[in-house]
PDB file of all heavy atoms in Angstrom:
ATOM      1  N   ASN A   1      70.561  60.293 -25.770  1.00  0.00           N
ATOM      2  CA  ASN A   1      71.629  60.252 -24.770  1.00  0.00           C
ATOM      3  C   ASN A   1      72.981  59.901 -25.396  1.00  0.00           C
ATOM      4  O   ASN A   1      73.953  59.676 -24.694  1.00  0.00           O
ATOM      5  CB  ASN A   1      71.298  59.286 -23.635  1.00  0.00           C
ATOM      6  CG  ASN A   1      71.233  57.837 -24.086  1.00  0.00           C
ATOM      7  OD1 ASN A   1      71.525  57.516 -25.234  1.00  0.00           O
ATOM      8  ND2 ASN A   1      70.851  56.959 -23.176  1.00  0.00           N
ATOM      9  N   GLY A   2      73.018  59.847 -26.722  1.00  0.00           N
ATOM     10  CA  GLY A   2      74.270  59.605 -27.423  1.00  0.00           C
ATOM     11  C   GLY A   2      74.782  58.180 -27.344  1.00  0.00           C
ATOM     12  O   GLY A   2      75.895  57.888 -27.750  1.00  0.00           O
ATOM     13  N   GLN A   3      73.962  57.283 -26.841  1.00  0.00           N
ATOM     14  CA  GLN A   3      74.392  55.897 -26.699  1.00  0.00           C
ATOM     15  C   GLN A   3      73.370  54.995 -27.368  1.00  0.00           C
ATOM     16  O   GLN A   3      72.455  54.493 -26.741  1.00  0.00           O
ATOM     17  CB  GLN A   3      74.572  55.551 -25.229  1.00  0.00           C
ATOM     18  CG  GLN A   3      75.626  56.427 -24.600  1.00  0.00           C
ATOM     19  CD  GLN A   3      75.978  55.990 -23.205  1.00  0.00           C
ATOM     20  OE1 GLN A   3      75.617  54.913 -22.760  1.00  0.00           O
ATOM     21  NE2 GLN A   3      76.694  56.833 -22.507  1.00  0.00           N
ATOM     22  N   LEU A   4      73.521  54.836 -28.670  1.00  0.00           N
ATOM     23  CA  LEU A   4      72.583  54.107 -29.498  1.00  0.00           C
ATOM     24  C   LEU A   4      72.308  52.706 -28.946  1.00  0.00           C
ATOM     25  O   LEU A   4      73.207  51.899 -28.773  1.00  0.00           O
ATOM     26  CB  LEU A   4      73.139  53.995 -30.920  1.00  0.00           C
ATOM     27  CG  LEU A   4      72.245  53.378 -31.972  1.00  0.00           C
ATOM     28  CD1 LEU A   4      71.003  54.226 -32.149  1.00  0.00           C
ATOM     29  CD2 LEU A   4      72.982  53.253 -33.286  1.00  0.00           C
ATOM     30  N   GLY A   5      71.043  52.465 -28.621  1.00  0.00           N
ATOM     31  CA  GLY A   5      70.621  51.140 -28.201  1.00  0.00           C
ATOM     32  C   GLY A   5      70.960  50.754 -26.779  1.00  0.00           C
ATOM     33  O   GLY A   5      70.767  49.617 -26.397  1.00  0.00           O
ATOM     34  N   LYS A   6      71.431  51.682 -25.959  1.00  0.00           N
ATOM     35  CA  LYS A   6      71.784  51.331 -24.583  1.00  0.00           C
ATOM     36  C   LYS A   6      70.507  51.140 -23.769  1.00  0.00           C
ATOM     37  O   LYS A   6      69.602  51.963 -23.814  1.00  0.00           O
ATOM     38  CB  LYS A   6      72.631  52.431 -23.960  1.00  0.00           C
ATOM     39  CG  LYS A   6      73.118  52.093 -22.581  1.00  0.00           C
ATOM     40  CD  LYS A   6      74.085  53.150 -22.094  1.00  0.00           C
ATOM     41  CE  LYS A   6      74.623  52.805 -20.728  1.00  0.00           C
ATOM     42  NZ  LYS A   6      75.526  53.841 -20.244  1.00  0.00           N
ATOM     43  N   ILE A   7      70.433  50.049 -23.034  1.00  0.00           N
ATOM     44  CA  ILE A   7      69.265  49.738 -22.225  1.00  0.00           C
ATOM     45  C   ILE A   7      69.690  49.762 -20.759  1.00  0.00           C
ATOM     46  O   ILE A   7      70.558  48.997 -20.346  1.00  0.00           O
ATOM     47  CB  ILE A   7      68.697  48.350 -22.572  1.00  0.00           C
ATOM     48  CG1 ILE A   7      68.368  48.277 -24.056  1.00  0.00           C
ATOM     49  CG2 ILE A   7      67.478  48.051 -21.719  1.00  0.00           C
ATOM     50  CD1 ILE A   7      68.067  46.883 -24.531  1.00  0.00           C
ATOM     51  N   LEU A   8      69.061  50.663 -19.972  1.00  0.00           N
ATOM     52  CA  LEU A   8      69.397  50.792 -18.557  1.00  0.00           C
ATOM     53  C   LEU A   8      68.272  50.245 -17.696  1.00  0.00           C
ATOM     54  O   LEU A   8      67.118  50.234 -18.092  1.00  0.00           O
ATOM     55  CB  LEU A   8      69.637  52.261 -18.193  1.00  0.00           C
ATOM     56  CG  LEU A   8      70.815  52.943 -18.872  1.00  0.00           C
ATOM     57  CD1 LEU A   8      70.869  54.409 -18.451  1.00  0.00           C
ATOM     58  CD2 LEU A   8      72.109  52.249 -18.537  1.00  0.00           C
ATOM     59  N   ALA A   9      68.623  49.847 -16.484  1.00  0.00           N
ATOM     60  CA  ALA A   9      67.656  49.332 -15.526  1.00  0.00           C
ATOM     61  C   ALA A   9      67.211  50.454 -14.602  1.00  0.00           C
ATOM     62  O   ALA A   9      67.811  50.707 -13.565  1.00  0.00           O
ATOM     63  CB  ALA A   9      68.260  48.187 -14.718  1.00  0.00           C
ATOM     64  N   GLY A  10      66.167  51.175 -14.984  1.00  0.00           N
ATOM     65  CA  GLY A  10      65.531  52.182 -14.143  1.00  0.00           C
ATOM     66  C   GLY A  10      66.487  53.120 -13.430  1.00  0.00           C
ATOM     67  O   GLY A  10      67.497  53.540 -13.972  1.00  0.00           O
ATOM     68  N   ALA A  11      66.160  53.446 -12.185  1.00  0.00           N
ATOM     69  CA  ALA A  11      66.922  54.430 -11.408  1.00  0.00           C
ATOM     70  C   ALA A  11      68.322  53.937 -11.041  1.00  0.00           C
ATOM     71  O   ALA A  11      69.208  54.740 -10.775  1.00  0.00           O
ATOM     72  CB  ALA A  11      66.155  54.795 -10.146  1.00  0.00           C
ATOM     73  N   SER A  12      68.534  52.630 -11.045  1.00  0.00           N
ATOM     74  CA  SER A  12      69.851  52.103 -10.677  1.00  0.00           C
ATOM     75  C   SER A  12      70.899  52.461 -11.716  1.00  0.00           C
ATOM     76  O   SER A  12      72.081  52.550 -11.421  1.00  0.00           O
ATOM     77  CB  SER A  12      69.805  50.583 -10.502  1.00  0.00           C
ATOM     78  OG  SER A  12      69.674  49.942 -11.760  1.00  0.00           O
ATOM     79  N   GLY A  13      70.463  52.656 -12.965  1.00  0.00           N
ATOM     80  CA  GLY A  13      71.391  53.000 -14.031  1.00  0.00           C
ATOM     81  C   GLY A  13      72.270  51.844 -14.477  1.00  0.00           C
ATOM     82  O   GLY A  13      73.203  52.019 -15.242  1.00  0.00           O
ATOM     83  N   ARG A  14      72.007  50.637 -13.991  1.00  0.00           N
ATOM     84  CA  ARG A  14      72.786  49.478 -14.389  1.00  0.00           C
ATOM     85  C   ARG A  14      72.502  49.135 -15.843  1.00  0.00           C
ATOM     86  O   ARG A  14      71.348  49.044 -16.256  1.00  0.00           O
ATOM     87  CB  ARG A  14      72.428  48.286 -13.498  1.00  0.00           C
ATOM     88  CG  ARG A  14      73.412  47.150 -13.622  1.00  0.00           C
ATOM     89  CD  ARG A  14      73.092  46.027 -12.641  1.00  0.00           C
ATOM     90  NE  ARG A  14      72.650  44.906 -13.444  1.00  0.00           N
ATOM     91  CZ  ARG A  14      71.449  44.363 -13.409  1.00  0.00           C
ATOM     92  NH1 ARG A  14      70.546  44.796 -12.590  1.00  0.00           N
ATOM     93  NH2 ARG A  14      71.134  43.361 -14.188  1.00  0.00           N
ATOM     94  N   GLN A  15      73.533  48.963 -16.625  1.00  0.00           N
ATOM     95  CA  GLN A  15      73.341  48.657 -18.038  1.00  0.00           C
ATOM     96  C   GLN A  15      72.953  47.201 -18.201  1.00  0.00           C
ATOM     97  O   GLN A  15      73.642  46.298 -17.746  1.00  0.00           O
ATOM     98  CB  GLN A  15      74.604  48.943 -18.838  1.00  0.00           C
ATOM     99  CG  GLN A  15      74.403  48.750 -20.325  1.00  0.00           C
ATOM    100  CD  GLN A  15      75.556  49.259 -21.169  1.00  0.00           C
ATOM    101  OE1 GLN A  15      76.338  50.065 -20.716  1.00  0.00           O
ATOM    102  NE2 GLN A  15      75.663  48.763 -22.373  1.00  0.00           N
ATOM    103  N   LEU A  16      71.811  46.977 -18.867  1.00  0.00           N
ATOM    104  CA  LEU A  16      71.323  45.622 -19.086  1.00  0.00           C
ATOM    105  C   LEU A  16      71.778  45.062 -20.421  1.00  0.00           C
ATOM    106  O   LEU A  16      71.898  43.861 -20.571  1.00  0.00           O
ATOM    107  CB  LEU A  16      69.787  45.607 -19.052  1.00  0.00           C
ATOM    108  CG  LEU A  16      69.139  46.000 -17.734  1.00  0.00           C
ATOM    109  CD1 LEU A  16      67.630  45.968 -17.881  1.00  0.00           C
ATOM    110  CD2 LEU A  16      69.579  45.066 -16.620  1.00  0.00           C
ATOM    111  N   GLY A  17      71.983  45.924 -21.369  1.00  0.00           N
ATOM    112  CA  GLY A  17      72.373  45.435 -22.681  1.00  0.00           C
ATOM    113  C   GLY A  17      72.526  46.569 -23.656  1.00  0.00           C
ATOM    114  O   GLY A  17      72.424  47.727 -23.314  1.00  0.00           O
ATOM    115  N   ARG A  18      72.781  46.201 -24.885  1.00  0.00           N
ATOM    116  CA  ARG A  18      72.943  47.172 -25.963  1.00  0.00           C
ATOM    117  C   ARG A  18      72.337  46.563 -27.208  1.00  0.00           C
ATOM    118  O   ARG A  18      72.605  45.419 -27.540  1.00  0.00           O
ATOM    119  CB  ARG A  18      74.439  47.460 -26.148  1.00  0.00           C
ATOM    120  CG  ARG A  18      74.732  48.575 -27.096  1.00  0.00           C
ATOM    121  CD  ARG A  18      76.231  48.838 -27.113  1.00  0.00           C
ATOM    122  NE  ARG A  18      76.679  49.710 -26.087  1.00  0.00           N
ATOM    123  CZ  ARG A  18      76.507  51.036 -26.101  1.00  0.00           C
ATOM    124  NH1 ARG A  18      75.861  51.603 -27.071  1.00  0.00           N
ATOM    125  NH2 ARG A  18      76.981  51.778 -25.152  1.00  0.00           N
ATOM    126  N   LEU A  19      71.483  47.343 -27.882  1.00  0.00           N
ATOM    127  CA  LEU A  19      70.819  46.828 -29.074  1.00  0.00           C
ATOM    128  C   LEU A  19      71.757  46.748 -30.264  1.00  0.00           C
ATOM    129  O   LEU A  19      71.648  45.867 -31.090  1.00  0.00           O
ATOM    130  CB  LEU A  19      69.624  47.712 -29.433  1.00  0.00           C
ATOM    131  CG  LEU A  19      68.496  47.735 -28.411  1.00  0.00           C
ATOM    132  CD1 LEU A  19      67.411  48.696 -28.857  1.00  0.00           C
ATOM    133  CD2 LEU A  19      67.915  46.354 -28.216  1.00  0.00           C
ATOM    134  N   ALA A  20      72.679  47.710 -30.350  1.00  0.00           N
ATOM    135  CA  ALA A  20      73.567  47.725 -31.516  1.00  0.00           C
ATOM    136  C   ALA A  20      74.842  48.483 -31.189  1.00  0.00           C
ATOM    137  O   ALA A  20      74.810  49.481 -30.491  1.00  0.00           O
ATOM    138  CB  ALA A  20      72.870  48.373 -32.699  1.00  0.00           C
ATOM    139  N   ASP A  21      75.932  47.986 -31.646  1.00  0.00           N
ATOM    140  CA  ASP A  21      77.193  48.715 -31.575  1.00  0.00           C
ATOM    141  C   ASP A  21      77.514  49.135 -32.994  1.00  0.00           C
ATOM    142  O   ASP A  21      77.245  48.412 -33.939  1.00  0.00           O
ATOM    143  CB  ASP A  21      78.326  47.827 -31.036  1.00  0.00           C
ATOM    144  CG  ASP A  21      78.182  47.570 -29.555  1.00  0.00           C
ATOM    145  OD1 ASP A  21      77.843  48.522 -28.842  1.00  0.00           O
ATOM    146  OD2 ASP A  21      78.390  46.432 -29.123  1.00  0.00           O
ATOM    147  N   GLY A  22      78.062  50.300 -33.142  1.00  0.00           N
ATOM    148  CA  GLY A  22      78.358  50.732 -34.498  1.00  0.00           C
ATOM    149  C   GLY A  22      78.623  52.210 -34.570  1.00  0.00           C
ATOM    150  O   GLY A  22      79.177  52.790 -33.652  1.00  0.00           O
ATOM    151  N   PRO A  23      78.181  52.819 -35.673  1.00  0.00           N
ATOM    152  CA  PRO A  23      78.498  54.222 -35.905  1.00  0.00           C
ATOM    153  C   PRO A  23      77.869  55.144 -34.875  1.00  0.00           C
ATOM    154  O   PRO A  23      76.968  54.757 -34.146  1.00  0.00           O
ATOM    155  CB  PRO A  23      77.928  54.487 -37.295  1.00  0.00           C
ATOM    156  CG  PRO A  23      76.923  53.431 -37.526  1.00  0.00           C
ATOM    157  CD  PRO A  23      77.359  52.255 -36.711  1.00  0.00           C
ATOM    158  N   ARG A  24      78.361  56.346 -34.875  1.00  0.00           N
ATOM    159  CA  ARG A  24      77.885  57.368 -33.958  1.00  0.00           C
ATOM    160  C   ARG A  24      76.387  57.617 -34.154  1.00  0.00           C
ATOM    161  O   ARG A  24      75.831  57.388 -35.202  1.00  0.00           O
ATOM    162  CB  ARG A  24      78.662  58.659 -34.243  1.00  0.00           C
ATOM    163  CG  ARG A  24      78.475  59.672 -33.167  1.00  0.00           C
ATOM    164  CD  ARG A  24      79.571  60.689 -33.209  1.00  0.00           C
ATOM    165  NE  ARG A  24      79.526  61.731 -32.237  1.00  0.00           N
ATOM    166  CZ  ARG A  24      78.504  62.238 -31.619  1.00  0.00           C
ATOM    167  NH1 ARG A  24      77.336  61.772 -31.820  1.00  0.00           N
ATOM    168  NH2 ARG A  24      78.601  63.217 -30.763  1.00  0.00           N
ATOM    169  N   GLN A  25      75.754  58.096 -33.104  1.00  0.00           N
ATOM    170  CA  GLN A  25      74.326  58.385 -33.105  1.00  0.00           C
ATOM    171  C   GLN A  25      73.957  59.345 -34.238  1.00  0.00           C
ATOM    172  O   GLN A  25      74.616  60.348 -34.434  1.00  0.00           O
ATOM    173  CB  GLN A  25      73.979  59.021 -31.756  1.00  0.00           C
ATOM    174  CG  GLN A  25      72.527  59.148 -31.474  1.00  0.00           C
ATOM    175  CD  GLN A  25      71.926  57.883 -30.933  1.00  0.00           C
ATOM    176  OE1 GLN A  25      72.537  56.822 -30.969  1.00  0.00           O
ATOM    177  NE2 GLN A  25      70.727  57.965 -30.444  1.00  0.00           N
ATOM    178  N   PRO A  26      72.911  59.064 -34.989  1.00  0.00           N
ATOM    179  CA  PRO A  26      72.513  59.959 -36.076  1.00  0.00           C
ATOM    180  C   PRO A  26      71.901  61.254 -35.545  1.00  0.00           C
ATOM    181  O   PRO A  26      71.447  61.316 -34.404  1.00  0.00           O
ATOM    182  CB  PRO A  26      71.458  59.147 -36.830  1.00  0.00           C
ATOM    183  CG  PRO A  26      70.938  58.177 -35.835  1.00  0.00           C
ATOM    184  CD  PRO A  26      72.073  57.879 -34.897  1.00  0.00           C
ATOM    185  N   ASP A  27      71.878  62.279 -36.384  1.00  0.00           N
ATOM    186  CA  ASP A  27      71.238  63.552 -36.053  1.00  0.00           C
ATOM    187  C   ASP A  27      69.783  63.434 -36.513  1.00  0.00           C
ATOM    188  O   ASP A  27      69.460  63.655 -37.673  1.00  0.00           O
ATOM    189  CB  ASP A  27      71.974  64.687 -36.776  1.00  0.00           C
ATOM    190  CG  ASP A  27      71.445  66.055 -36.420  1.00  0.00           C
ATOM    191  OD1 ASP A  27      70.251  66.166 -36.039  1.00  0.00           O
ATOM    192  OD2 ASP A  27      72.212  67.020 -36.530  1.00  0.00           O
ATOM    193  N   PHE A  28      68.902  63.077 -35.586  1.00  0.00           N
ATOM    194  CA  PHE A  28      67.507  62.827 -35.931  1.00  0.00           C
ATOM    195  C   PHE A  28      66.803  64.085 -36.426  1.00  0.00           C
ATOM    196  O   PHE A  28      65.959  64.017 -37.310  1.00  0.00           O
ATOM    197  CB  PHE A  28      66.763  62.238 -34.730  1.00  0.00           C
ATOM    198  CG  PHE A  28      67.246  60.873 -34.338  1.00  0.00           C
ATOM    199  CD1 PHE A  28      68.047  60.702 -33.217  1.00  0.00           C
ATOM    200  CD2 PHE A  28      66.909  59.760 -35.090  1.00  0.00           C
ATOM    201  CE1 PHE A  28      68.489  59.445 -32.853  1.00  0.00           C
ATOM    202  CE2 PHE A  28      67.351  58.491 -34.729  1.00  0.00           C
ATOM    203  CZ  PHE A  28      68.148  58.338 -33.600  1.00  0.00           C
ATOM    204  N   ALA A  29      67.122  65.249 -35.847  1.00  0.00           N
ATOM    205  CA  ALA A  29      66.504  66.501 -36.272  1.00  0.00           C
ATOM    206  C   ALA A  29      66.885  66.836 -37.714  1.00  0.00           C
ATOM    207  O   ALA A  29      66.029  67.229 -38.519  1.00  0.00           O
ATOM    208  CB  ALA A  29      66.905  67.634 -35.330  1.00  0.00           C
ATOM    209  N   ALA A  30      68.148  66.677 -38.056  1.00  0.00           N
ATOM    210  CA  ALA A  30      68.591  66.954 -39.428  1.00  0.00           C
ATOM    211  C   ALA A  30      67.929  65.992 -40.415  1.00  0.00           C
ATOM    212  O   ALA A  30      67.531  66.394 -41.514  1.00  0.00           O
ATOM    213  CB  ALA A  30      70.110  66.857 -39.535  1.00  0.00           C
ATOM    214  N   TYR A  31      67.791  64.746 -40.036  1.00  0.00           N
ATOM    215  CA  TYR A  31      67.149  63.762 -40.911  1.00  0.00           C
ATOM    216  C   TYR A  31      65.681  64.132 -41.145  1.00  0.00           C
ATOM    217  O   TYR A  31      65.170  63.997 -42.259  1.00  0.00           O
ATOM    218  CB  TYR A  31      67.267  62.359 -40.321  1.00  0.00           C
ATOM    219  CG  TYR A  31      66.691  61.297 -41.212  1.00  0.00           C
ATOM    220  CD1 TYR A  31      67.325  60.934 -42.397  1.00  0.00           C
ATOM    221  CD2 TYR A  31      65.490  60.679 -40.902  1.00  0.00           C
ATOM    222  CE1 TYR A  31      66.789  59.965 -43.241  1.00  0.00           C
ATOM    223  CE2 TYR A  31      64.950  59.716 -41.733  1.00  0.00           C
ATOM    224  CZ  TYR A  31      65.599  59.364 -42.894  1.00  0.00           C
ATOM    225  OH  TYR A  31      65.057  58.422 -43.730  1.00  0.00           O
ATOM    226  N   THR A  32      65.007  64.597 -40.097  1.00  0.00           N
ATOM    227  CA  THR A  32      63.612  65.010 -40.230  1.00  0.00           C
ATOM    228  C   THR A  32      63.493  66.162 -41.228  1.00  0.00           C
ATOM    229  O   THR A  32      62.591  66.179 -42.062  1.00  0.00           O
ATOM    230  CB  THR A  32      63.041  65.420 -38.861  1.00  0.00           C
ATOM    231  OG1 THR A  32      63.133  64.297 -37.979  1.00  0.00           O
ATOM    232  CG2 THR A  32      61.589  65.844 -38.967  1.00  0.00           C
ATOM    233  N   ASP A  33      64.425  67.119 -41.152  1.00  0.00           N
ATOM    234  CA  ASP A  33      64.442  68.224 -42.118  1.00  0.00           C
ATOM    235  C   ASP A  33      64.602  67.699 -43.546  1.00  0.00           C
ATOM    236  O   ASP A  33      63.918  68.146 -44.464  1.00  0.00           O
ATOM    237  CB  ASP A  33      65.578  69.207 -41.813  1.00  0.00           C
ATOM    238  CG  ASP A  33      65.296  70.079 -40.602  1.00  0.00           C
ATOM    239  OD1 ASP A  33      64.108  70.274 -40.259  1.00  0.00           O
ATOM    240  OD2 ASP A  33      66.259  70.566 -40.001  1.00  0.00           O
ATOM    241  N   LEU A  34      65.506  66.740 -43.726  1.00  0.00           N
ATOM    242  CA  LEU A  34      65.739  66.168 -45.056  1.00  0.00           C
ATOM    243  C   LEU A  34      64.505  65.461 -45.612  1.00  0.00           C
ATOM    244  O   LEU A  34      64.313  65.390 -46.824  1.00  0.00           O
ATOM    245  CB  LEU A  34      66.914  65.191 -45.022  1.00  0.00           C
ATOM    246  CG  LEU A  34      68.292  65.807 -44.820  1.00  0.00           C
ATOM    247  CD1 LEU A  34      69.332  64.715 -44.592  1.00  0.00           C
ATOM    248  CD2 LEU A  34      68.674  66.658 -46.012  1.00  0.00           C
ATOM    249  N   CYS A  35      63.671  64.949 -44.725  1.00  0.00           N
ATOM    250  CA  CYS A  35      62.459  64.242 -45.139  1.00  0.00           C
ATOM    251  C   CYS A  35      61.279  65.185 -45.347  1.00  0.00           C
ATOM    252  O   CYS A  35      60.178  64.733 -45.653  1.00  0.00           O
ATOM    253  CB  CYS A  35      62.098  63.188 -44.097  1.00  0.00           C
ATOM    254  SG  CYS A  35      63.280  61.839 -44.004  1.00  0.00           S
ATOM    255  N   GLY A  36      61.497  66.491 -45.181  1.00  0.00           N
ATOM    256  CA  GLY A  36      60.435  67.461 -45.421  1.00  0.00           C
ATOM    257  C   GLY A  36      59.677  67.901 -44.194  1.00  0.00           C
ATOM    258  O   GLY A  36      58.710  68.657 -44.293  1.00  0.00           O
ATOM    259  N   GLY A  37      60.084  67.441 -43.029  1.00  0.00           N
ATOM    260  CA  GLY A  37      59.429  67.852 -41.789  1.00  0.00           C
ATOM    261  C   GLY A  37      60.203  68.961 -41.108  1.00  0.00           C
ATOM    262  O   GLY A  37      61.115  69.555 -41.689  1.00  0.00           O
ATOM    263  N   LEU A  38      59.840  69.243 -39.879  1.00  0.00           N
ATOM    264  CA  LEU A  38      60.542  70.229 -39.063  1.00  0.00           C
ATOM    265  C   LEU A  38      61.320  69.485 -37.986  1.00  0.00           C
ATOM    266  O   LEU A  38      60.730  68.797 -37.150  1.00  0.00           O
ATOM    267  CB  LEU A  38      59.554  71.199 -38.411  1.00  0.00           C
ATOM    268  CG  LEU A  38      60.149  72.159 -37.378  1.00  0.00           C
ATOM    269  CD1 LEU A  38      61.122  73.128 -38.051  1.00  0.00           C
ATOM    270  CD2 LEU A  38      59.056  72.910 -36.647  1.00  0.00           C
TER     271      LEU A  38
END
């Protein structure tokens, strides 16, 4: 969802917290390719 570490409260969508603030969300698919996977 492009929001690293964001924790929401179910259907209400109320933000409960954030695990980490920092750099933009990584490209997980590209990283998987780099590691030899698909």
